[in-house]
Amino acid sequence: MSDVNWEDSFCGEGNSCYRIGTDEAGNSYIAVAGSEDQFLTDSREALQQLIRDIKAGKADHLL
């Protein structure tokens, strides 16, 4: 596995902190801050689409 370049933590209200990372092979990673050894991974394109969809409100029903 390639080394993951983690971004700074993104924290919402309370203790819900997440980190997003990428590697040189074009993969993206999402993990709970402090548990980066347990992550979800997909392509950078999939992560970009996820972020676009969240910004468009397609996940608002989960709030």
PDB file of N, CA and C in Angstrom:
ATOM      1  N   MET A   1       0.847  -1.180   0.000  1.00  0.00           N
ATOM      2  CA  MET A   1       0.000   0.000   0.000  1.00  0.00           C
ATOM      3  C   MET A   1       0.889   1.237   0.000  1.00  0.00           C
ATOM      4  N   SER A   2       0.497   2.244  -0.756  1.00  0.00           N
ATOM      5  CA  SER A   2       1.225   3.508  -0.826  1.00  0.00           C
ATOM      6  C   SER A   2       1.035   4.293   0.461  1.00  0.00           C
ATOM      7  N   ASP A   3       1.946   5.215   0.695  1.00  0.00           N
ATOM      8  CA  ASP A   3       1.802   6.105   1.846  1.00  0.00           C
ATOM      9  C   ASP A   3       0.662   7.076   1.595  1.00  0.00           C
ATOM     10  N   VAL A   4      -0.156   7.287   2.619  1.00  0.00           N
ATOM     11  CA  VAL A   4      -1.294   8.203   2.522  1.00  0.00           C
ATOM     12  C   VAL A   4      -0.868   9.572   3.023  1.00  0.00           C
ATOM     13  N   ASN A   5      -1.173  10.599   2.257  1.00  0.00           N
ATOM     14  CA  ASN A   5      -0.921  11.979   2.660  1.00  0.00           C
ATOM     15  C   ASN A   5      -2.214  12.520   3.258  1.00  0.00           C
ATOM     16  N   TRP A   6      -2.317  12.513   4.597  1.00  0.00           N
ATOM     17  CA  TRP A   6      -3.534  12.924   5.290  1.00  0.00           C
ATOM     18  C   TRP A   6      -3.604  14.436   5.395  1.00  0.00           C
ATOM     19  N   GLU A   7      -4.784  14.997   5.151  1.00  0.00           N
ATOM     20  CA  GLU A   7      -5.053  16.415   5.374  1.00  0.00           C
ATOM     21  C   GLU A   7      -5.314  16.623   6.862  1.00  0.00           C
ATOM     22  N   ASP A   8      -5.332  17.884   7.294  1.00  0.00           N
ATOM     23  CA  ASP A   8      -5.693  18.185   8.678  1.00  0.00           C
ATOM     24  C   ASP A   8      -7.114  17.702   8.939  1.00  0.00           C
ATOM     25  N   SER A   9      -7.406  17.428  10.189  1.00  0.00           N
ATOM     26  CA  SER A   9      -8.736  16.943  10.566  1.00  0.00           C
ATOM     27  C   SER A   9      -9.813  17.972  10.255  1.00  0.00           C
ATOM     28  N   PHE A  10     -10.965  17.482   9.830  1.00  0.00           N
ATOM     29  CA  PHE A  10     -12.156  18.299   9.652  1.00  0.00           C
ATOM     30  C   PHE A  10     -13.102  17.904  10.766  1.00  0.00           C
ATOM     31  N   CYS A  11     -13.452  18.850  11.619  1.00  0.00           N
ATOM     32  CA  CYS A  11     -14.295  18.549  12.770  1.00  0.00           C
ATOM     33  C   CYS A  11     -15.615  19.310  12.683  1.00  0.00           C
ATOM     34  N   GLY A  12     -16.696  18.569  12.828  1.00  0.00           N
ATOM     35  CA  GLY A  12     -18.013  19.174  12.923  1.00  0.00           C
ATOM     36  C   GLY A  12     -18.284  19.497  14.377  1.00  0.00           C
ATOM     37  N   GLU A  13     -19.539  19.519  14.744  1.00  0.00           N
ATOM     38  CA  GLU A  13     -19.899  19.775  16.134  1.00  0.00           C
ATOM     39  C   GLU A  13     -19.513  18.573  16.989  1.00  0.00           C
ATOM     40  N   GLY A  14     -19.120  18.827  18.209  1.00  0.00           N
ATOM     41  CA  GLY A  14     -18.748  17.745  19.101  1.00  0.00           C
ATOM     42  C   GLY A  14     -17.419  17.133  18.715  1.00  0.00           C
ATOM     43  N   ASN A  15     -17.345  15.822  18.812  1.00  0.00           N
ATOM     44  CA  ASN A  15     -16.091  15.121  18.568  1.00  0.00           C
ATOM     45  C   ASN A  15     -16.055  14.383  17.238  1.00  0.00           C
ATOM     46  N   SER A  16     -16.873  14.778  16.279  1.00  0.00           N
ATOM     47  CA  SER A  16     -16.912  14.072  15.002  1.00  0.00           C
ATOM     48  C   SER A  16     -15.857  14.644  14.061  1.00  0.00           C
ATOM     49  N   CYS A  17     -14.638  14.139  14.169  1.00  0.00           N
ATOM     50  CA  CYS A  17     -13.527  14.626  13.352  1.00  0.00           C
ATOM     51  C   CYS A  17     -13.120  13.559  12.342  1.00  0.00           C
ATOM     52  N   TYR A  18     -12.971  13.991  11.097  1.00  0.00           N
ATOM     53  CA  TYR A  18     -12.600  13.091  10.015  1.00  0.00           C
ATOM     54  C   TYR A  18     -11.365  13.615   9.317  1.00  0.00           C
ATOM     55  N   ARG A  19     -10.663  12.709   8.655  1.00  0.00           N
ATOM     56  CA  ARG A  19      -9.503  13.092   7.857  1.00  0.00           C
ATOM     57  C   ARG A  19      -9.667  12.521   6.463  1.00  0.00           C
ATOM     58  N   ILE A  20      -9.250  13.291   5.498  1.00  0.00           N
ATOM     59  CA  ILE A  20      -9.252  12.870   4.099  1.00  0.00           C
ATOM     60  C   ILE A  20      -7.801  12.828   3.648  1.00  0.00           C
ATOM     61  N   GLY A  21      -7.462  11.793   2.902  1.00  0.00           N
ATOM     62  CA  GLY A  21      -6.103  11.667   2.401  1.00  0.00           C
ATOM     63  C   GLY A  21      -6.079  11.123   0.990  1.00  0.00           C
ATOM     64  N   THR A  22      -4.931  11.230   0.367  1.00  0.00           N
ATOM     65  CA  THR A  22      -4.717  10.697  -0.975  1.00  0.00           C
ATOM     66  C   THR A  22      -3.352  10.026  -1.017  1.00  0.00           C
ATOM     67  N   ASP A  23      -3.177   9.176  -2.020  1.00  0.00           N
ATOM     68  CA  ASP A  23      -1.859   8.599  -2.242  1.00  0.00           C
ATOM     69  C   ASP A  23      -1.429   8.872  -3.680  1.00  0.00           C
ATOM     70  N   GLU A  24      -0.205   8.508  -4.003  1.00  0.00           N
ATOM     71  CA  GLU A  24       0.327   8.805  -5.330  1.00  0.00           C
ATOM     72  C   GLU A  24      -0.236   7.892  -6.409  1.00  0.00           C
ATOM     73  N   ALA A  25      -0.960   6.853  -6.022  1.00  0.00           N
ATOM     74  CA  ALA A  25      -1.571   5.935  -6.991  1.00  0.00           C
ATOM     75  C   ALA A  25      -2.951   6.417  -7.436  1.00  0.00           C
ATOM     76  N   GLY A  26      -3.414   7.569  -6.916  1.00  0.00           N
ATOM     77  CA  GLY A  26      -4.698   8.116  -7.318  1.00  0.00           C
ATOM     78  C   GLY A  26      -5.871   7.663  -6.473  1.00  0.00           C
ATOM     79  N   ASN A  27      -5.597   7.126  -5.301  1.00  0.00           N
ATOM     80  CA  ASN A  27      -6.662   6.691  -4.392  1.00  0.00           C
ATOM     81  C   ASN A  27      -6.948   7.763  -3.361  1.00  0.00           C
ATOM     82  N   SER A  28      -8.179   7.761  -2.848  1.00  0.00           N
ATOM     83  CA  SER A  28      -8.547   8.675  -1.773  1.00  0.00           C
ATOM     84  C   SER A  28      -8.948   7.855  -0.553  1.00  0.00           C
ATOM     85  N   TYR A  29      -8.823   8.476   0.612  1.00  0.00           N
ATOM     86  CA  TYR A  29      -9.081   7.799   1.882  1.00  0.00           C
ATOM     87  C   TYR A  29      -9.888   8.711   2.787  1.00  0.00           C
ATOM     88  N   ILE A  30     -10.782   8.123   3.572  1.00  0.00           N
ATOM     89  CA  ILE A  30     -11.525   8.840   4.602  1.00  0.00           C
ATOM     90  C   ILE A  30     -11.425   8.006   5.868  1.00  0.00           C
ATOM     91  N   ALA A  31     -11.090   8.665   6.979  1.00  0.00           N
ATOM     92  CA  ALA A  31     -10.961   7.959   8.257  1.00  0.00           C
ATOM     93  C   ALA A  31     -11.397   8.874   9.397  1.00  0.00           C
ATOM     94  N   VAL A  32     -11.781   8.268  10.498  1.00  0.00           N
ATOM     95  CA  VAL A  32     -12.043   9.016  11.719  1.00  0.00           C
ATOM     96  C   VAL A  32     -10.679   9.452  12.260  1.00  0.00           C
ATOM     97  N   ALA A  33     -10.555  10.712  12.653  1.00  0.00           N
ATOM     98  CA  ALA A  33      -9.290  11.216  13.182  1.00  0.00           C
ATOM     99  C   ALA A  33      -8.853  10.364  14.365  1.00  0.00           C
ATOM    100  N   GLY A  34      -7.610   9.941  14.341  1.00  0.00           N
ATOM    101  CA  GLY A  34      -7.068   9.090  15.385  1.00  0.00           C
ATOM    102  C   GLY A  34      -7.155   7.610  15.067  1.00  0.00           C
ATOM    103  N   SER A  35      -7.909   7.259  14.036  1.00  0.00           N
ATOM    104  CA  SER A  35      -8.063   5.856  13.618  1.00  0.00           C
ATOM    105  C   SER A  35      -7.745   5.707  12.130  1.00  0.00           C
ATOM    106  N   GLU A  36      -6.677   6.351  11.707  1.00  0.00           N
ATOM    107  CA  GLU A  36      -6.327   6.353  10.297  1.00  0.00           C
ATOM    108  C   GLU A  36      -5.936   4.972   9.773  1.00  0.00           C
ATOM    109  N   ASP A  37      -5.705   4.025  10.664  1.00  0.00           N
ATOM    110  CA  ASP A  37      -5.389   2.663  10.228  1.00  0.00           C
ATOM    111  C   ASP A  37      -6.645   1.904   9.791  1.00  0.00           C
ATOM    112  N   GLN A  38      -7.827   2.468  10.049  1.00  0.00           N
ATOM    113  CA  GLN A  38      -9.110   1.892   9.619  1.00  0.00           C
ATOM    114  C   GLN A  38      -9.801   2.938   8.755  1.00  0.00           C
ATOM    115  N   PHE A  39      -9.784   2.731   7.448  1.00  0.00           N
ATOM    116  CA  PHE A  39     -10.247   3.757   6.526  1.00  0.00           C
ATOM    117  C   PHE A  39     -11.119   3.170   5.434  1.00  0.00           C
ATOM    118  N   LEU A  40     -11.833   4.052   4.747  1.00  0.00           N
ATOM    119  CA  LEU A  40     -12.541   3.726   3.510  1.00  0.00           C
ATOM    120  C   LEU A  40     -11.684   4.262   2.379  1.00  0.00           C
ATOM    121  N   THR A  41     -11.626   3.543   1.287  1.00  0.00           N
ATOM    122  CA  THR A  41     -10.829   4.016   0.164  1.00  0.00           C
ATOM    123  C   THR A  41     -11.577   3.845  -1.154  1.00  0.00           C
ATOM    124  N   ASP A  42     -11.292   4.731  -2.086  1.00  0.00           N
ATOM    125  CA  ASP A  42     -11.875   4.698  -3.429  1.00  0.00           C
ATOM    126  C   ASP A  42     -11.003   5.589  -4.305  1.00  0.00           C
ATOM    127  N   SER A  43     -11.422   5.832  -5.521  1.00  0.00           N
ATOM    128  CA  SER A  43     -10.644   6.685  -6.418  1.00  0.00           C
ATOM    129  C   SER A  43     -10.822   8.157  -6.044  1.00  0.00           C
ATOM    130  N   ARG A  44      -9.912   8.984  -6.502  1.00  0.00           N
ATOM    131  CA  ARG A  44     -10.043  10.430  -6.269  1.00  0.00           C
ATOM    132  C   ARG A  44     -11.323  10.955  -6.910  1.00  0.00           C
ATOM    133  N   GLU A  45     -11.658  10.414  -8.079  1.00  0.00           N
ATOM    134  CA  GLU A  45     -12.871  10.850  -8.760  1.00  0.00           C
ATOM    135  C   GLU A  45     -14.117  10.556  -7.924  1.00  0.00           C
ATOM    136  N   ALA A  46     -14.141   9.398  -7.270  1.00  0.00           N
ATOM    137  CA  ALA A  46     -15.279   9.046  -6.416  1.00  0.00           C
ATOM    138  C   ALA A  46     -15.367   9.993  -5.220  1.00  0.00           C
ATOM    139  N   LEU A  47     -14.223  10.348  -4.633  1.00  0.00           N
ATOM    140  CA  LEU A  47     -14.222  11.291  -3.515  1.00  0.00           C
ATOM    141  C   LEU A  47     -14.707  12.664  -3.979  1.00  0.00           C
ATOM    142  N   GLN A  48     -14.259  13.105  -5.144  1.00  0.00           N
ATOM    143  CA  GLN A  48     -14.712  14.391  -5.667  1.00  0.00           C
ATOM    144  C   GLN A  48     -16.221  14.393  -5.878  1.00  0.00           C
ATOM    145  N   GLN A  49     -16.759  13.301  -6.419  1.00  0.00           N
ATOM    146  CA  GLN A  49     -18.202  13.225  -6.638  1.00  0.00           C
ATOM    147  C   GLN A  49     -18.949  13.202  -5.314  1.00  0.00           C
ATOM    148  N   LEU A  50     -18.431  12.494  -4.317  1.00  0.00           N
ATOM    149  CA  LEU A  50     -19.050  12.477  -2.996  1.00  0.00           C
ATOM    150  C   LEU A  50     -19.140  13.883  -2.425  1.00  0.00           C
ATOM    151  N   ILE A  51     -18.069  14.643  -2.519  1.00  0.00           N
ATOM    152  CA  ILE A  51     -18.057  16.007  -1.991  1.00  0.00           C
ATOM    153  C   ILE A  51     -19.043  16.885  -2.756  1.00  0.00           C
ATOM    154  N   ARG A  52     -19.079  16.759  -4.091  1.00  0.00           N
ATOM    155  CA  ARG A  52     -20.045  17.534  -4.881  1.00  0.00           C
ATOM    156  C   ARG A  52     -21.480  17.205  -4.472  1.00  0.00           C
ATOM    157  N   ASP A  53     -21.765  15.916  -4.284  1.00  0.00           N
ATOM    158  CA  ASP A  53     -23.113  15.508  -3.896  1.00  0.00           C
ATOM    159  C   ASP A  53     -23.493  16.025  -2.513  1.00  0.00           C
ATOM    160  N   ILE A  54     -22.563  15.996  -1.586  1.00  0.00           N
ATOM    161  CA  ILE A  54     -22.835  16.515  -0.239  1.00  0.00           C
ATOM    162  C   ILE A  54     -23.118  18.011  -0.315  1.00  0.00           C
ATOM    163  N   LYS A  55     -22.297  18.737  -1.075  1.00  0.00           N
ATOM    164  CA  LYS A  55     -22.532  20.171  -1.226  1.00  0.00           C
ATOM    165  C   LYS A  55     -23.859  20.478  -1.887  1.00  0.00           C
ATOM    166  N   ALA A  56     -24.318  19.595  -2.759  1.00  0.00           N
ATOM    167  CA  ALA A  56     -25.592  19.791  -3.465  1.00  0.00           C
ATOM    168  C   ALA A  56     -26.789  19.411  -2.589  1.00  0.00           C
ATOM    169  N   GLY A  57     -26.528  18.917  -1.390  1.00  0.00           N
ATOM    170  CA  GLY A  57     -27.609  18.590  -0.470  1.00  0.00           C
ATOM    171  C   GLY A  57     -28.157  17.179  -0.584  1.00  0.00           C
ATOM    172  N   LYS A  58     -27.481  16.323  -1.344  1.00  0.00           N
ATOM    173  CA  LYS A  58     -28.002  14.977  -1.543  1.00  0.00           C
ATOM    174  C   LYS A  58     -27.877  14.079  -0.313  1.00  0.00           C
ATOM    175  N   ALA A  59     -27.180  14.543   0.713  1.00  0.00           N
ATOM    176  CA  ALA A  59     -27.070  13.761   1.948  1.00  0.00           C
ATOM    177  C   ALA A  59     -27.771  14.435   3.122  1.00  0.00           C
ATOM    178  N   ASP A  60     -28.507  15.505   2.849  1.00  0.00           N
ATOM    179  CA  ASP A  60     -29.163  16.244   3.929  1.00  0.00           C
ATOM    180  C   ASP A  60     -30.148  15.396   4.724  1.00  0.00           C
ATOM    181  N   HIS A  61     -30.738  14.399   4.083  1.00  0.00           N
ATOM    182  CA  HIS A  61     -31.696  13.537   4.784  1.00  0.00           C
ATOM    183  C   HIS A  61     -31.020  12.710   5.877  1.00  0.00           C
ATOM    184  N   LEU A  62     -29.687  12.648   5.887  1.00  0.00           N
ATOM    185  CA  LEU A  62     -28.958  11.900   6.917  1.00  0.00           C
ATOM    186  C   LEU A  62     -28.733  12.737   8.174  1.00  0.00           C
ATOM    187  N   LEU A  63     -28.973  14.013   8.081  1.00  0.00           N
ATOM    188  CA  LEU A  63     -28.727  14.908   9.240  1.00  0.00           C
ATOM    189  C   LEU A  63     -29.854  14.853  10.230  1.00  0.00           C
TER     190      LEU A  63
END
